[in-house]
């Protein structure tokens, strides 16, 4: 739904956020966003590794079990 905004819309939203937020708080906001994205990527990577590990374990089980 909100992905149909387009580049111009995202730029406009970013400008509004910059105007509303105090300039001194922008670095903290950037760090929070970067941390959130990093945590999301880390959890996604771990989830993918867990699925790969489970698939390998399933392949090693004999058919009789």
N, C-alpha and C. Protein backbone atom coordinates (compact mmCIF):
# COMPACT_ATOMS: atom_id res chain seq x y z
N UNK A 1 0.84 -1.18 0.00
CA UNK A 1 0.00 0.00 0.00
C UNK A 1 0.88 1.25 0.00
N UNK A 2 1.77 1.39 0.99
CA UNK A 2 2.59 2.58 1.08
C UNK A 2 3.80 2.49 0.17
N UNK A 3 4.01 1.35 -0.48
CA UNK A 3 5.15 1.21 -1.37
C UNK A 3 4.91 1.88 -2.72
N UNK A 4 3.70 2.31 -2.98
CA UNK A 4 3.37 2.95 -4.25
C UNK A 4 3.57 4.46 -4.20
N UNK A 5 4.30 4.95 -3.21
CA UNK A 5 4.49 6.39 -3.07
C UNK A 5 5.38 6.94 -4.16
N UNK A 6 6.47 6.28 -4.44
CA UNK A 6 7.40 6.75 -5.46
C UNK A 6 8.52 7.57 -4.84
N UNK A 7 9.53 7.85 -5.64
CA UNK A 7 10.72 8.54 -5.17
C UNK A 7 10.39 9.96 -4.71
N UNK A 8 9.59 10.67 -5.45
CA UNK A 8 9.24 12.05 -5.08
C UNK A 8 8.51 12.09 -3.74
N UNK A 9 7.63 11.16 -3.52
CA UNK A 9 6.90 11.09 -2.26
C UNK A 9 7.83 10.82 -1.09
N UNK A 10 8.78 9.90 -1.26
CA UNK A 10 9.73 9.60 -0.19
C UNK A 10 10.62 10.79 0.11
N UNK A 11 11.03 11.51 -0.93
CA UNK A 11 11.84 12.72 -0.71
C UNK A 11 11.04 13.76 0.05
N UNK A 12 9.79 13.93 -0.30
CA UNK A 12 8.92 14.88 0.40
C UNK A 12 8.75 14.48 1.86
N UNK A 13 8.54 13.21 2.11
CA UNK A 13 8.41 12.74 3.49
C UNK A 13 9.70 13.00 4.26
N UNK A 14 10.84 12.72 3.65
CA UNK A 14 12.13 12.96 4.31
C UNK A 14 12.31 14.44 4.64
N UNK A 15 11.93 15.33 3.73
CA UNK A 15 12.03 16.77 4.00
C UNK A 15 11.14 17.19 5.15
N UNK A 16 9.94 16.65 5.22
CA UNK A 16 9.03 16.98 6.32
C UNK A 16 9.62 16.50 7.64
N UNK A 17 10.19 15.31 7.64
CA UNK A 17 10.80 14.78 8.87
C UNK A 17 11.95 15.67 9.30
N UNK A 18 12.76 16.11 8.35
CA UNK A 18 13.89 16.99 8.68
C UNK A 18 13.40 18.31 9.24
N UNK A 19 12.33 18.84 8.68
CA UNK A 19 11.80 20.11 9.18
C UNK A 19 11.16 19.96 10.56
N UNK A 20 10.51 18.84 10.81
CA UNK A 20 9.83 18.64 12.08
C UNK A 20 10.82 18.31 13.19
N UNK A 21 11.80 17.47 12.89
CA UNK A 21 12.79 17.08 13.89
C UNK A 21 13.78 18.23 14.10
N UNK A 22 14.29 18.33 15.28
CA UNK A 22 15.34 19.30 15.53
C UNK A 22 16.61 18.81 14.85
N UNK A 23 17.39 19.68 14.23
CA UNK A 23 18.61 19.24 13.55
C UNK A 23 19.58 18.51 14.48
N UNK A 24 19.58 18.84 15.76
CA UNK A 24 20.48 18.17 16.68
C UNK A 24 20.08 16.71 16.93
N UNK A 25 18.82 16.37 16.66
CA UNK A 25 18.34 15.02 16.90
C UNK A 25 18.46 14.13 15.67
N UNK A 26 18.80 14.70 14.52
CA UNK A 26 18.87 13.90 13.30
C UNK A 26 19.95 12.81 13.35
N UNK A 27 21.15 13.07 13.90
CA UNK A 27 22.13 11.98 13.98
C UNK A 27 21.63 10.79 14.82
N UNK A 28 20.93 11.08 15.90
CA UNK A 28 20.39 10.00 16.72
C UNK A 28 19.32 9.23 15.94
N UNK A 29 18.53 9.93 15.18
CA UNK A 29 17.51 9.28 14.36
C UNK A 29 18.17 8.39 13.31
N UNK A 30 19.23 8.87 12.70
CA UNK A 30 19.96 8.07 11.72
C UNK A 30 20.55 6.81 12.33
N UNK A 31 21.12 6.95 13.53
CA UNK A 31 21.68 5.78 14.22
C UNK A 31 20.58 4.77 14.55
N UNK A 32 19.44 5.25 14.98
CA UNK A 32 18.34 4.35 15.32
C UNK A 32 17.84 3.60 14.08
N UNK A 33 17.73 4.30 12.97
CA UNK A 33 17.29 3.66 11.73
C UNK A 33 18.32 2.63 11.28
N UNK A 34 19.60 3.02 11.32
CA UNK A 34 20.67 2.11 10.91
C UNK A 34 20.68 0.86 11.80
N UNK A 35 20.51 1.05 13.10
CA UNK A 35 20.49 -0.07 14.03
C UNK A 35 19.30 -0.99 13.76
N UNK A 36 18.15 -0.40 13.49
CA UNK A 36 16.95 -1.19 13.21
C UNK A 36 17.13 -2.01 11.94
N UNK A 37 17.67 -1.41 10.90
CA UNK A 37 17.90 -2.12 9.65
C UNK A 37 18.93 -3.23 9.86
N UNK A 38 19.99 -2.94 10.62
CA UNK A 38 21.00 -3.95 10.90
C UNK A 38 20.43 -5.13 11.67
N UNK A 39 19.60 -4.86 12.66
CA UNK A 39 18.96 -5.93 13.43
C UNK A 39 18.04 -6.77 12.55
N UNK A 40 17.32 -6.12 11.65
CA UNK A 40 16.43 -6.84 10.74
C UNK A 40 17.23 -7.75 9.82
N UNK A 41 18.32 -7.23 9.26
CA UNK A 41 19.15 -8.04 8.37
C UNK A 41 19.77 -9.22 9.13
N UNK A 42 20.23 -8.97 10.35
CA UNK A 42 20.84 -10.02 11.16
C UNK A 42 19.83 -11.13 11.45
N UNK A 43 18.63 -10.76 11.85
CA UNK A 43 17.61 -11.77 12.17
C UNK A 43 17.19 -12.53 10.91
N UNK A 44 17.13 -11.85 9.79
CA UNK A 44 16.77 -12.51 8.53
C UNK A 44 17.86 -13.51 8.13
N UNK A 45 19.12 -13.11 8.31
CA UNK A 45 20.24 -13.99 7.99
C UNK A 45 20.23 -15.21 8.91
N UNK A 46 20.02 -15.00 10.21
CA UNK A 46 19.99 -16.10 11.16
C UNK A 46 18.84 -17.05 10.85
N UNK A 47 17.70 -16.52 10.49
CA UNK A 47 16.55 -17.35 10.15
C UNK A 47 16.86 -18.19 8.92
N UNK A 48 17.51 -17.61 7.93
CA UNK A 48 17.88 -18.34 6.72
C UNK A 48 18.88 -19.45 7.05
N UNK A 49 19.84 -19.15 7.92
CA UNK A 49 20.82 -20.16 8.33
C UNK A 49 20.14 -21.29 9.10
N UNK A 50 19.17 -20.97 9.94
CA UNK A 50 18.45 -22.00 10.68
C UNK A 50 17.71 -22.93 9.74
N UNK A 51 17.07 -22.37 8.72
CA UNK A 51 16.35 -23.19 7.76
C UNK A 51 17.31 -24.06 6.98
N UNK A 52 18.46 -23.54 6.61
CA UNK A 52 19.45 -24.33 5.89
C UNK A 52 19.96 -25.47 6.75
N UNK A 53 20.20 -25.18 8.03
CA UNK A 53 20.67 -26.21 8.95
C UNK A 53 19.62 -27.30 9.12
N UNK A 54 18.35 -26.90 9.24
CA UNK A 54 17.27 -27.88 9.38
C UNK A 54 17.14 -28.74 8.13
N UNK A 55 17.30 -28.13 6.96
CA UNK A 55 17.21 -28.89 5.72
C UNK A 55 18.34 -29.91 5.64
N UNK A 56 19.54 -29.54 6.06
CA UNK A 56 20.67 -30.47 6.02
C UNK A 56 20.44 -31.62 7.00
N UNK A 57 19.87 -31.33 8.17
CA UNK A 57 19.60 -32.38 9.14
C UNK A 57 18.52 -33.31 8.63
N UNK A 58 17.52 -32.77 7.95
CA UNK A 58 16.47 -33.61 7.39
C UNK A 58 17.01 -34.53 6.31
N UNK A 59 17.99 -34.07 5.54
CA UNK A 59 18.59 -34.87 4.48
C UNK A 59 19.41 -36.01 5.07
N UNK A 60 19.95 -35.86 6.26
CA UNK A 60 20.79 -36.89 6.86
C UNK A 60 19.98 -37.98 7.55
N UNK A 61 18.72 -37.73 7.87
CA UNK A 61 17.91 -38.72 8.55
C UNK A 61 17.60 -39.88 7.60
N UNK A 62 17.67 -41.11 8.09
CA UNK A 62 17.30 -42.26 7.24
C UNK A 62 15.80 -42.27 6.98
N UNK A 63 15.41 -42.93 5.91
CA UNK A 63 13.99 -42.95 5.52
C UNK A 63 13.13 -43.72 6.50
N UNK A 64 13.68 -44.63 7.25
CA UNK A 64 12.91 -45.46 8.16
C UNK A 64 12.45 -44.74 9.42
N UNK A 65 12.95 -43.54 9.69
CA UNK A 65 12.59 -42.84 10.94
C UNK A 65 11.37 -42.00 10.79
